[in-house]
N, C-alpha and C. Protein backbone atom coordinates (compact mmCIF):
# COMPACT_ATOMS: atom_id res chain seq x y z
N MET A 1 -16.21 -41.63 29.90
CA MET A 1 -15.50 -40.92 30.77
C MET A 1 -13.84 -41.28 30.38
N ILE A 2 -12.78 -40.66 30.17
CA ILE A 2 -11.67 -40.75 29.71
C ILE A 2 -10.82 -40.60 30.73
N PRO A 3 -10.01 -41.79 31.08
CA PRO A 3 -9.14 -41.82 32.32
C PRO A 3 -8.06 -41.10 32.36
N ARG A 4 -8.17 -40.48 33.20
CA ARG A 4 -6.88 -39.31 33.49
C ARG A 4 -5.53 -40.06 33.02
N LYS A 5 -4.99 -41.03 33.05
CA LYS A 5 -3.59 -41.40 32.39
C LYS A 5 -4.15 -41.84 31.17
N SER A 6 -4.75 -42.05 30.59
CA SER A 6 -4.45 -41.80 28.65
C SER A 6 -4.38 -40.58 28.17
N ILE A 7 -4.42 -39.45 29.01
CA ILE A 7 -4.12 -37.98 28.34
C ILE A 7 -2.63 -37.83 29.02
N SER A 8 -1.79 -38.66 29.92
CA SER A 8 -0.56 -38.27 30.62
C SER A 8 0.09 -37.62 29.43
N LYS A 9 1.33 -36.65 29.59
CA LYS A 9 2.22 -36.31 28.98
C LYS A 9 3.16 -37.07 28.33
N ALA A 10 3.27 -38.35 28.88
CA ALA A 10 4.12 -39.38 28.33
C ALA A 10 3.64 -40.04 27.43
N GLN A 11 2.11 -39.88 27.19
CA GLN A 11 1.30 -40.91 26.34
C GLN A 11 0.51 -39.85 24.91
N SER A 12 0.65 -38.25 25.33
CA SER A 12 0.01 -37.53 24.29
C SER A 12 0.55 -37.81 23.18
N PRO A 13 -0.19 -37.55 22.07
CA PRO A 13 0.63 -37.89 20.82
C PRO A 13 1.29 -36.38 20.33
N HIS A 14 1.18 -35.70 21.35
CA HIS A 14 1.82 -34.07 21.15
C HIS A 14 2.13 -33.51 22.25
N PRO A 15 3.44 -34.54 22.84
CA PRO A 15 3.70 -33.81 24.05
C PRO A 15 4.65 -32.76 24.43
N SER A 16 4.66 -32.06 23.68
CA SER A 16 5.14 -30.47 23.95
C SER A 16 4.27 -29.73 22.85
N HIS A 17 5.06 -28.09 22.95
CA HIS A 17 4.48 -27.33 21.97
C HIS A 17 5.43 -25.98 22.45
N PRO A 18 6.11 -25.56 21.64
CA PRO A 18 6.85 -24.61 21.73
C PRO A 18 5.99 -23.15 22.61
N TYR A 19 4.59 -22.88 22.68
CA TYR A 19 3.86 -21.71 23.08
C TYR A 19 2.71 -22.33 23.65
N ARG A 20 3.22 -23.22 24.69
CA ARG A 20 1.89 -23.43 25.92
C ARG A 20 1.10 -22.70 25.93
N PRO A 21 1.59 -21.65 26.96
CA PRO A 21 0.83 -20.57 27.84
C PRO A 21 0.19 -19.89 26.59
N THR A 22 -1.14 -19.48 27.19
CA THR A 22 -1.55 -18.72 26.92
C THR A 22 -0.93 -16.82 26.57
N ILE A 23 -0.88 -16.36 25.54
CA ILE A 23 -0.30 -14.71 26.07
C ILE A 23 -1.47 -13.59 25.49
N ILE A 24 -1.22 -13.28 26.66
CA ILE A 24 -2.38 -11.93 26.45
C ILE A 24 -2.00 -10.91 26.61
N GLY A 25 -1.92 -9.82 25.54
CA GLY A 25 -0.95 -8.74 25.10
C GLY A 25 -1.91 -7.70 26.06
N ALA A 26 -1.05 -6.16 26.58
CA ALA A 26 -1.99 -5.12 27.20
C ALA A 26 -1.24 -4.53 26.74
N ILE A 27 -1.95 -3.44 25.70
CA ILE A 27 -1.67 -3.09 24.99
C ILE A 27 -1.85 -1.26 25.55
N ASN A 28 -1.18 -0.60 25.63
CA ASN A 28 -1.20 0.64 25.98
C ASN A 28 -0.29 1.91 25.37
N GLY A 29 -1.05 2.10 24.41
CA GLY A 29 -0.40 3.81 23.88
C GLY A 29 -0.18 3.40 22.08
N LEU A 30 0.86 3.42 21.34
CA LEU A 30 1.12 3.22 20.20
C LEU A 30 1.41 2.05 20.35
N ALA A 31 1.17 1.14 18.94
CA ALA A 31 1.58 -0.34 18.77
C ALA A 31 1.83 -0.13 16.87
N LEU A 32 2.98 0.79 16.20
CA LEU A 32 3.07 0.54 15.22
C LEU A 32 4.02 -0.29 14.80
N GLY A 33 3.91 -0.83 13.59
CA GLY A 33 4.80 -1.75 13.17
C GLY A 33 5.36 -2.97 13.94
N THR A 34 6.35 -2.95 14.34
CA THR A 34 6.97 -4.00 15.12
C THR A 34 5.73 -4.21 16.07
N GLY A 35 5.40 -2.61 17.17
CA GLY A 35 4.11 -3.14 18.03
C GLY A 35 2.84 -4.05 17.51
N THR A 36 2.29 -3.91 16.22
CA THR A 36 1.77 -4.32 16.11
C THR A 36 1.98 -5.43 15.68
N ALA A 37 2.86 -6.02 15.02
CA ALA A 37 3.21 -7.27 15.06
C ALA A 37 3.51 -7.99 16.39
N ILE A 38 4.27 -7.25 17.39
CA ILE A 38 4.08 -8.16 18.13
C ILE A 38 3.24 -8.49 19.03
N ALA A 39 2.05 -7.55 19.10
CA ALA A 39 0.33 -7.89 19.36
C ALA A 39 0.07 -8.79 18.86
N SER A 40 0.36 -8.95 17.65
CA SER A 40 -0.61 -10.09 16.71
C SER A 40 -0.25 -11.46 16.95
N CYS A 41 1.17 -11.71 17.71
CA CYS A 41 1.67 -12.61 17.64
C CYS A 41 0.81 -13.64 19.31
N CYS A 42 -0.12 -12.08 20.03
CA CYS A 42 -0.57 -12.82 20.93
C CYS A 42 -1.80 -13.32 20.87
N ASP A 43 -2.25 -13.93 22.15
CA ASP A 43 -3.80 -14.69 21.41
C ASP A 43 -4.41 -14.08 21.94
N LEU A 44 -4.63 -13.12 22.97
CA LEU A 44 -5.92 -12.07 23.45
C LEU A 44 -5.09 -10.96 23.50
N LEU A 45 -5.82 -9.73 23.13
CA LEU A 45 -5.75 -8.67 23.84
C LEU A 45 -6.32 -7.79 24.37
N VAL A 46 -6.04 -7.03 25.08
CA VAL A 46 -7.12 -5.84 25.88
C VAL A 46 -6.11 -4.30 25.56
N ALA A 47 -6.60 -3.28 25.74
CA ALA A 47 -6.20 -2.38 25.89
C ALA A 47 -6.40 -1.04 26.33
N ALA A 48 -5.93 -0.11 26.35
CA ALA A 48 -6.21 1.33 26.70
C ALA A 48 -6.72 1.66 25.47
N GLU A 49 -7.82 3.14 26.05
CA GLU A 49 -8.57 3.25 25.45
C GLU A 49 -7.85 4.39 24.17
N GLU A 50 -6.58 4.71 24.21
CA GLU A 50 -5.84 5.85 23.24
C GLU A 50 -5.07 4.72 22.69
N ALA A 51 -5.13 3.44 22.97
CA ALA A 51 -4.03 2.74 21.88
C ALA A 51 -4.69 2.95 20.41
N TYR A 52 -3.20 2.71 19.97
CA TYR A 52 -3.41 2.93 17.97
C TYR A 52 -2.36 1.68 17.73
N PHE A 53 -2.61 1.12 16.02
CA PHE A 53 -1.86 0.18 15.95
C PHE A 53 -1.84 0.41 14.32
N GLY A 54 -0.80 -0.29 13.27
CA GLY A 54 -1.13 -0.28 12.11
C GLY A 54 0.30 -0.67 11.75
N ILE A 55 0.20 -0.95 10.45
CA ILE A 55 1.72 -1.30 9.77
C ILE A 55 1.51 -0.21 8.54
N THR A 56 2.62 0.80 9.33
CA THR A 56 2.66 2.14 7.96
C THR A 56 3.95 1.87 7.65
N GLU A 57 4.42 1.26 7.14
CA GLU A 57 5.98 1.09 6.62
C GLU A 57 5.90 1.51 5.32
N ILE A 58 4.77 1.34 4.89
CA ILE A 58 4.39 1.74 3.26
C ILE A 58 4.86 3.17 2.97
N ASN A 59 4.34 4.33 4.18
CA ASN A 59 4.52 5.65 4.50
C ASN A 59 6.53 6.13 4.25
N PHE A 60 7.11 4.21 4.72
CA PHE A 60 8.66 4.91 4.33
C PHE A 60 9.04 4.13 3.53
N SER A 61 8.46 3.57 2.51
CA SER A 61 8.63 2.71 1.62
C SER A 61 9.53 1.47 1.32
N MET A 62 8.50 0.88 2.76
CA MET A 62 9.16 -0.36 3.03
C MET A 62 7.51 -1.40 2.96
N VAL A 63 8.31 -2.73 3.19
CA VAL A 63 7.40 -3.99 3.62
C VAL A 63 7.22 -4.70 4.45
N SER A 64 6.65 -4.43 5.63
CA SER A 64 7.12 -5.18 6.57
C SER A 64 5.39 -5.25 7.00
N GLY A 65 5.51 -6.25 8.09
CA GLY A 65 4.05 -6.83 8.48
C GLY A 65 2.66 -7.22 8.22
N PRO A 66 2.24 -7.09 6.72
CA PRO A 66 1.05 -7.15 6.39
C PRO A 66 1.05 -8.86 6.98
N CYS A 67 2.03 -9.38 7.35
CA CYS A 67 1.36 -11.04 7.29
C CYS A 67 1.03 -10.82 8.68
N HIS A 68 1.38 -10.19 9.45
CA HIS A 68 1.04 -9.84 11.27
C HIS A 68 -0.57 -9.10 11.07
N ILE A 69 -0.32 -8.24 10.76
CA ILE A 69 -1.99 -7.46 10.84
C ILE A 69 -3.09 -7.93 10.08
N SER A 70 -2.89 -9.27 9.07
CA SER A 70 -3.86 -10.24 8.78
C SER A 70 -3.95 -10.73 9.71
N ARG A 71 -3.61 -11.09 10.69
CA ARG A 71 -3.99 -12.21 11.79
C ARG A 71 -5.18 -11.43 12.84
N LEU A 72 -4.94 -10.06 12.42
CA LEU A 72 -6.07 -9.55 13.21
C LEU A 72 -7.03 -8.43 12.85
N LEU A 73 -7.18 -8.58 11.44
CA LEU A 73 -8.15 -8.06 10.73
C LEU A 73 -8.15 -9.20 9.18
N PRO A 74 -9.79 -8.63 8.77
CA PRO A 74 -10.08 -9.55 7.62
C PRO A 74 -8.98 -9.08 6.17
N GLU A 75 -8.50 -9.95 5.65
CA GLU A 75 -7.97 -9.20 4.61
C GLU A 75 -8.14 -7.99 3.96
N THR A 76 -9.05 -7.82 3.32
CA THR A 76 -9.56 -6.79 2.68
C THR A 76 -9.61 -5.28 3.40
N ALA A 77 -9.67 -5.47 5.11
CA ALA A 77 -9.32 -4.52 5.99
C ALA A 77 -8.24 -3.99 6.05
N ALA A 78 -7.31 -5.35 6.40
CA ALA A 78 -5.70 -4.96 6.24
C ALA A 78 -4.84 -4.72 5.16
N ARG A 79 -5.59 -5.04 3.84
CA ARG A 79 -5.00 -4.19 2.56
C ARG A 79 -5.61 -2.74 3.21
N ASN A 80 -6.63 -2.74 3.68
CA ASN A 80 -6.69 -0.82 3.16
C ASN A 80 -6.12 -0.22 4.17
N TYR A 81 -5.53 -0.29 5.42
CA TYR A 81 -4.73 0.31 6.29
C TYR A 81 -3.73 -0.20 5.63
N CYS A 82 -3.25 -0.80 5.92
CA CYS A 82 -1.49 -1.12 5.14
C CYS A 82 -1.19 -0.41 3.65
N MET A 83 -1.90 -0.35 2.69
CA MET A 83 -1.79 0.13 1.68
C MET A 83 -1.88 1.57 1.51
N ARG A 84 -2.56 2.08 2.22
CA ARG A 84 -2.90 3.47 2.63
C ARG A 84 -1.68 4.08 3.87
N GLY A 85 -1.01 3.55 4.62
CA GLY A 85 0.13 3.65 5.78
C GLY A 85 -0.84 4.29 6.53
N LYS A 86 -2.50 3.65 7.30
CA LYS A 86 -3.03 4.22 7.83
C LYS A 86 -3.24 3.60 9.68
N ARG A 87 -3.26 4.52 10.45
CA ARG A 87 -3.13 4.37 11.67
C ARG A 87 -4.56 3.41 11.99
N ILE A 88 -4.53 2.62 13.14
CA ILE A 88 -5.95 1.73 13.31
C ILE A 88 -6.32 2.19 14.96
N THR A 89 -7.30 2.71 14.85
CA THR A 89 -7.40 2.88 16.52
C THR A 89 -8.07 1.59 17.11
N VAL A 90 -7.92 1.57 18.64
CA VAL A 90 -8.54 0.46 18.90
C VAL A 90 -9.97 0.43 18.78
N GLN A 91 -10.33 1.07 19.31
CA GLN A 91 -12.22 1.05 18.59
C GLN A 91 -12.05 0.22 16.83
N GLU A 92 -11.76 1.09 16.33
CA GLU A 92 -11.72 -0.21 14.83
C GLU A 92 -11.31 -1.53 14.95
N LEU A 93 -10.21 -1.71 15.54
CA LEU A 93 -9.84 -2.91 15.48
C LEU A 93 -10.65 -3.39 16.55
N ALA A 94 -11.50 -3.50 17.80
CA ALA A 94 -11.70 -4.11 18.60
C ALA A 94 -13.31 -4.49 17.38
N ALA A 95 -13.97 -3.18 16.84
CA ALA A 95 -14.71 -3.60 15.80
C ALA A 95 -15.09 -4.55 14.94
N TYR A 96 -13.52 -5.30 14.28
CA TYR A 96 -13.62 -6.68 14.17
C TYR A 96 -13.09 -7.53 14.78
N GLY A 97 -13.47 -7.74 16.15
CA GLY A 97 -13.40 -8.85 17.11
C GLY A 97 -11.46 -9.00 17.41
N ALA A 98 -10.71 -7.95 17.73
CA ALA A 98 -9.11 -8.02 17.75
C ALA A 98 -8.78 -7.75 18.89
N ILE A 99 -10.04 -7.17 19.49
CA ILE A 99 -9.56 -6.73 21.14
C ILE A 99 -10.64 -7.55 21.84
N CYS A 100 -10.10 -8.31 23.36
CA CYS A 100 -11.18 -8.59 24.09
C CYS A 100 -12.20 -7.56 24.60
N LYS A 101 -10.83 -6.55 25.14
CA LYS A 101 -11.59 -5.37 26.75
C LYS A 101 -10.82 -3.95 26.11
N ILE A 102 -11.35 -3.30 25.54
CA ILE A 102 -11.25 -1.99 25.54
C ILE A 102 -11.61 -1.11 27.26
N VAL A 103 -10.23 -0.80 27.92
CA VAL A 103 -10.58 -0.04 29.06
C VAL A 103 -9.58 1.11 29.42
N PRO A 104 -9.80 1.72 30.72
CA PRO A 104 -8.93 2.73 31.17
C PRO A 104 -7.88 2.62 30.96
N GLN A 105 -6.79 3.64 30.78
CA GLN A 105 -5.32 2.80 30.79
C GLN A 105 -5.11 2.88 32.11
N LYS A 106 -5.59 3.30 33.52
CA LYS A 106 -5.29 3.14 34.80
C LYS A 106 -5.53 1.31 35.04
N ASP A 107 -6.52 0.95 34.26
CA ASP A 107 -7.15 -0.43 34.85
C ASP A 107 -6.83 -1.62 33.89
N LEU A 108 -6.07 -1.35 32.90
CA LEU A 108 -5.47 -2.23 31.40
C LEU A 108 -4.50 -3.85 31.78
N LEU A 109 -3.88 -3.55 33.29
CA LEU A 109 -3.16 -4.78 33.89
C LEU A 109 -4.46 -5.82 34.59
N ASN A 110 -5.40 -5.00 35.38
CA ASN A 110 -6.18 -5.58 35.91
C ASN A 110 -6.91 -6.48 34.76
N ALA A 111 -7.50 -5.51 33.84
CA ALA A 111 -7.98 -6.26 32.67
C ALA A 111 -7.68 -7.49 32.20
N ALA A 112 -6.22 -7.24 32.15
CA ALA A 112 -5.57 -8.47 31.31
C ALA A 112 -5.91 -9.77 32.47
N MET A 113 -4.63 -9.48 34.09
CA MET A 113 -5.11 -10.33 34.60
C MET A 113 -6.58 -11.11 34.98
N GLU A 114 -7.90 -9.86 34.62
CA GLU A 114 -8.96 -11.01 34.97
C GLU A 114 -9.35 -12.11 33.92
N ILE A 115 -8.91 -11.30 32.36
CA ILE A 115 -8.99 -12.67 31.52
C ILE A 115 -8.49 -13.61 31.70
N ALA A 116 -7.10 -13.45 32.66
CA ALA A 116 -6.14 -14.85 32.52
C ALA A 116 -6.32 -15.45 33.89
N ALA A 117 -7.07 -15.05 34.12
CA ALA A 117 -7.56 -15.55 35.70
C ALA A 117 -8.89 -16.67 35.11
N GLU A 118 -9.82 -15.65 34.27
CA GLU A 118 -10.94 -16.72 33.11
C GLU A 118 -10.13 -17.81 32.87
N ILE A 119 -9.34 -17.59 32.02
CA ILE A 119 -8.13 -18.93 31.19
C ILE A 119 -7.71 -19.81 32.06
N ALA A 120 -7.17 -19.07 32.96
CA ALA A 120 -6.77 -20.22 34.20
C ALA A 120 -7.78 -21.22 34.52
N GLY A 121 -9.05 -20.94 34.56
CA GLY A 121 -9.75 -21.89 34.99
C GLY A 121 -10.23 -22.91 33.71
N LYS A 122 -9.98 -22.98 33.15
CA LYS A 122 -10.35 -23.67 32.08
C LYS A 122 -9.51 -25.32 31.66
N ALA A 123 -9.43 -25.87 31.55
CA ALA A 123 -8.89 -27.42 31.03
C ALA A 123 -7.56 -26.84 30.82
N PRO A 124 -6.60 -27.21 31.39
CA PRO A 124 -5.35 -26.83 30.77
C PRO A 124 -4.81 -27.95 29.60
N LEU A 125 -4.47 -28.97 29.47
CA LEU A 125 -4.42 -29.51 28.87
C LEU A 125 -5.45 -29.50 27.34
N ALA A 126 -6.56 -29.16 27.90
CA ALA A 126 -7.89 -29.12 26.91
C ALA A 126 -7.49 -27.51 25.64
N MET A 127 -7.32 -26.62 26.56
CA MET A 127 -6.15 -25.03 26.33
C MET A 127 -4.98 -25.76 25.55
N ILE A 128 -4.23 -25.90 26.12
CA ILE A 128 -3.06 -26.57 24.99
C ILE A 128 -3.40 -26.73 23.34
N GLU A 129 -4.00 -27.90 23.55
CA GLU A 129 -4.31 -28.83 22.58
C GLU A 129 -5.29 -27.57 21.58
N LEU A 130 -6.46 -26.68 22.03
CA LEU A 130 -7.17 -25.89 21.42
C LEU A 130 -6.35 -24.86 20.87
N LYS A 131 -5.15 -24.40 21.47
CA LYS A 131 -4.07 -23.16 20.54
C LYS A 131 -3.62 -24.44 19.46
N ARG A 132 -2.49 -25.55 19.91
CA ARG A 132 -2.28 -25.93 18.80
C ARG A 132 -3.22 -26.30 17.67
N ALA A 133 -4.20 -26.26 18.29
CA ALA A 133 -5.44 -26.80 16.45
C ALA A 133 -5.68 -25.04 15.82
N MET A 134 -5.88 -24.01 16.61
CA MET A 134 -6.00 -22.75 15.98
C MET A 134 -4.99 -22.09 15.64
N ASN A 135 -3.37 -22.87 15.71
CA ASN A 135 -2.19 -22.02 15.22
C ASN A 135 -2.23 -23.42 14.13
N THR A 136 -2.24 -24.72 14.19
CA THR A 136 -2.17 -25.37 12.86
C THR A 136 -3.12 -24.80 11.85
N ASN A 137 -4.64 -24.40 12.08
CA ASN A 137 -5.37 -24.15 10.86
C ASN A 137 -5.06 -22.93 10.67
N GLN A 138 -4.11 -21.66 11.15
CA GLN A 138 -3.58 -20.53 10.16
C GLN A 138 -2.56 -21.11 9.34
N GLY A 139 -2.32 -22.18 9.30
CA GLY A 139 -0.64 -22.49 8.76
C GLY A 139 0.36 -22.23 9.47
N PHE A 140 0.21 -21.62 10.35
CA PHE A 140 1.59 -21.39 11.21
C PHE A 140 2.60 -21.42 10.61
N ARG A 141 2.75 -20.50 9.18
CA ARG A 141 3.64 -20.15 8.56
C ARG A 141 4.32 -18.69 8.55
N ILE A 142 3.96 -17.72 9.58
CA ILE A 142 3.82 -16.61 9.78
C ILE A 142 5.22 -16.17 9.61
N MET A 143 6.26 -17.03 9.98
CA MET A 143 7.77 -16.39 9.97
C MET A 143 8.21 -16.57 8.32
N GLU A 144 7.70 -17.41 7.89
CA GLU A 144 7.88 -17.68 6.16
C GLU A 144 7.39 -16.41 5.53
N LYS A 145 6.56 -15.97 5.86
CA LYS A 145 5.76 -15.03 5.48
C LYS A 145 6.24 -13.72 5.78
N TYR A 146 6.58 -13.77 6.88
CA TYR A 146 7.40 -12.53 7.56
C TYR A 146 8.79 -12.14 6.67
N ALA A 147 9.82 -13.76 6.43
CA ALA A 147 10.90 -13.55 5.89
C ALA A 147 10.58 -13.26 4.30
N LEU A 148 9.39 -13.57 3.64
CA LEU A 148 9.23 -13.24 2.36
C LEU A 148 9.29 -11.31 2.28
N GLU A 149 8.62 -10.74 2.93
CA GLU A 149 7.93 -9.59 3.65
C GLU A 149 9.73 -8.55 3.68
N MET A 150 10.21 -9.07 4.56
CA MET A 150 11.97 -8.91 4.81
C MET A 150 12.65 -8.45 3.76
N SER A 151 12.08 -9.59 2.71
CA SER A 151 12.76 -9.59 1.55
C SER A 151 12.60 -8.47 0.46
N TYR A 152 11.42 -7.80 0.62
CA TYR A 152 10.91 -6.94 -0.41
C TYR A 152 11.52 -5.51 0.49
N THR A 153 11.41 -5.61 1.70
CA THR A 153 11.94 -4.78 2.32
C THR A 153 13.52 -4.18 1.90
N GLN A 154 14.77 -5.20 2.04
CA GLN A 154 15.61 -5.40 1.87
C GLN A 154 15.88 -4.46 0.44
N PHE A 155 15.16 -5.36 -0.57
CA PHE A 155 15.23 -4.81 -1.91
C PHE A 155 15.05 -2.94 -2.03
N LEU A 156 14.01 -2.91 -1.36
CA LEU A 156 13.61 -1.36 -1.24
C LEU A 156 14.33 -0.26 -0.92
N LYS A 157 15.21 -1.04 0.53
CA LYS A 157 16.07 0.23 1.64
C LYS A 157 17.08 0.35 0.33
N ASN A 158 17.19 -0.32 -0.93
CA ASN A 158 18.52 0.03 -1.60
C ASN A 158 17.87 1.06 -3.17
N THR A 159 16.53 1.48 -2.46
CA THR A 159 16.30 2.36 -3.53
C THR A 159 16.77 3.74 -3.56
N GLU A 160 16.28 4.99 -4.53
CA GLU A 160 16.22 6.34 -4.77
C GLU A 160 14.60 6.89 -3.76
N ASP A 161 13.91 6.38 -3.49
CA ASP A 161 12.19 6.07 -2.83
C ASP A 161 12.77 5.86 -1.88
N PHE A 162 13.64 4.92 -1.31
CA PHE A 162 13.55 4.73 -0.06
C PHE A 162 14.20 5.99 0.78
N ASP A 163 15.40 6.34 0.21
CA ASP A 163 16.06 7.93 0.54
C ASP A 163 14.97 8.81 0.52
N GLU A 164 14.36 8.88 -0.18
CA GLU A 164 13.12 10.11 -0.43
C GLU A 164 12.09 9.75 0.54
N SER A 165 11.95 8.98 0.90
CA SER A 165 10.97 8.40 1.68
C SER A 165 11.02 9.35 3.45
N ILE A 166 12.19 8.77 3.44
CA ILE A 166 12.97 8.97 5.20
C ILE A 166 13.11 10.66 4.95
N ALA A 167 13.52 10.93 4.10
CA ALA A 167 14.52 12.35 3.74
C ALA A 167 13.06 13.08 3.91
N ALA A 168 11.44 12.61 3.27
CA ALA A 168 10.76 13.51 3.55
C ALA A 168 9.86 13.82 4.72
N PHE A 169 10.21 12.30 5.62
CA PHE A 169 9.51 12.70 6.63
C PHE A 169 10.46 13.55 7.52
N PHE A 170 11.48 13.64 7.79
CA PHE A 170 12.44 14.26 8.57
C PHE A 170 12.40 16.09 8.25
N GLU A 171 11.90 15.78 6.90
CA GLU A 171 11.40 17.29 6.43
C GLU A 171 10.08 18.00 6.62
N LYS A 172 9.49 17.14 6.84
CA LYS A 172 8.03 17.21 6.96
C LYS A 172 7.31 17.30 5.89
N ARG A 173 7.62 16.69 4.76
CA ARG A 173 6.98 17.12 3.29
C ARG A 173 6.63 16.22 2.50
N GLN A 174 5.57 16.24 1.76
CA GLN A 174 4.93 15.10 0.62
C GLN A 174 6.42 14.15 -0.05
N PRO A 175 6.44 13.28 -0.19
CA PRO A 175 7.86 12.48 -1.23
C PRO A 175 7.26 13.25 -2.12
N ASN A 176 8.91 12.86 -2.89
CA ASN A 176 8.86 12.71 -5.00
C ASN A 176 9.66 11.64 -5.35
N PHE A 177 8.91 10.84 -5.47
CA PHE A 177 8.97 9.28 -5.87
C PHE A 177 9.38 9.62 -7.17
N LYS A 178 10.15 8.53 -7.52
CA LYS A 178 10.78 8.46 -9.05
C LYS A 178 10.70 7.21 -9.71
N ARG A 179 10.41 6.02 -8.88
CA ARG A 179 10.30 4.81 -9.21
C ARG A 179 11.81 4.30 -9.28
N LYS A 180 12.73 4.97 -8.45
CA LYS A 180 14.01 4.33 -8.85
C LYS A 180 14.65 3.88 -7.39
């Protein structure tokens, strides 16, 4: 048995962490682009039956978010959805283990609160260190990866293809890309 004082905050080798609480995302409806990126930053996800996710920016000649969707899907699946600019149903995402629970929209917040209560019953210091270990094991470099992706998008925003993709979207037609 470890004496309680040996794990006090003052003596802990890791006395603080910027993201101590467990973050449970309750996704209701569309979570495309930034919505998927925010969802990927949550520790756990609960979603309504009608929820959709996706990094569809390639449809607008942009590169934004592959590092985020890769937190929810295996790499090959992430490439499939990102490169094709496809939405992901909540059921598809759940099949990869990224969704804790799919519920009717009216039950969404209750489902999130049930999971929160379950986690709240665990040892708090152990939960903090578990989260630290998982974040560290992921490389914890998500912001650097995202900054790199944003540099690609900044480049692309100065191309004719970018302008064409936006115009095609609003005109509801297929884009005519010129690689310029």
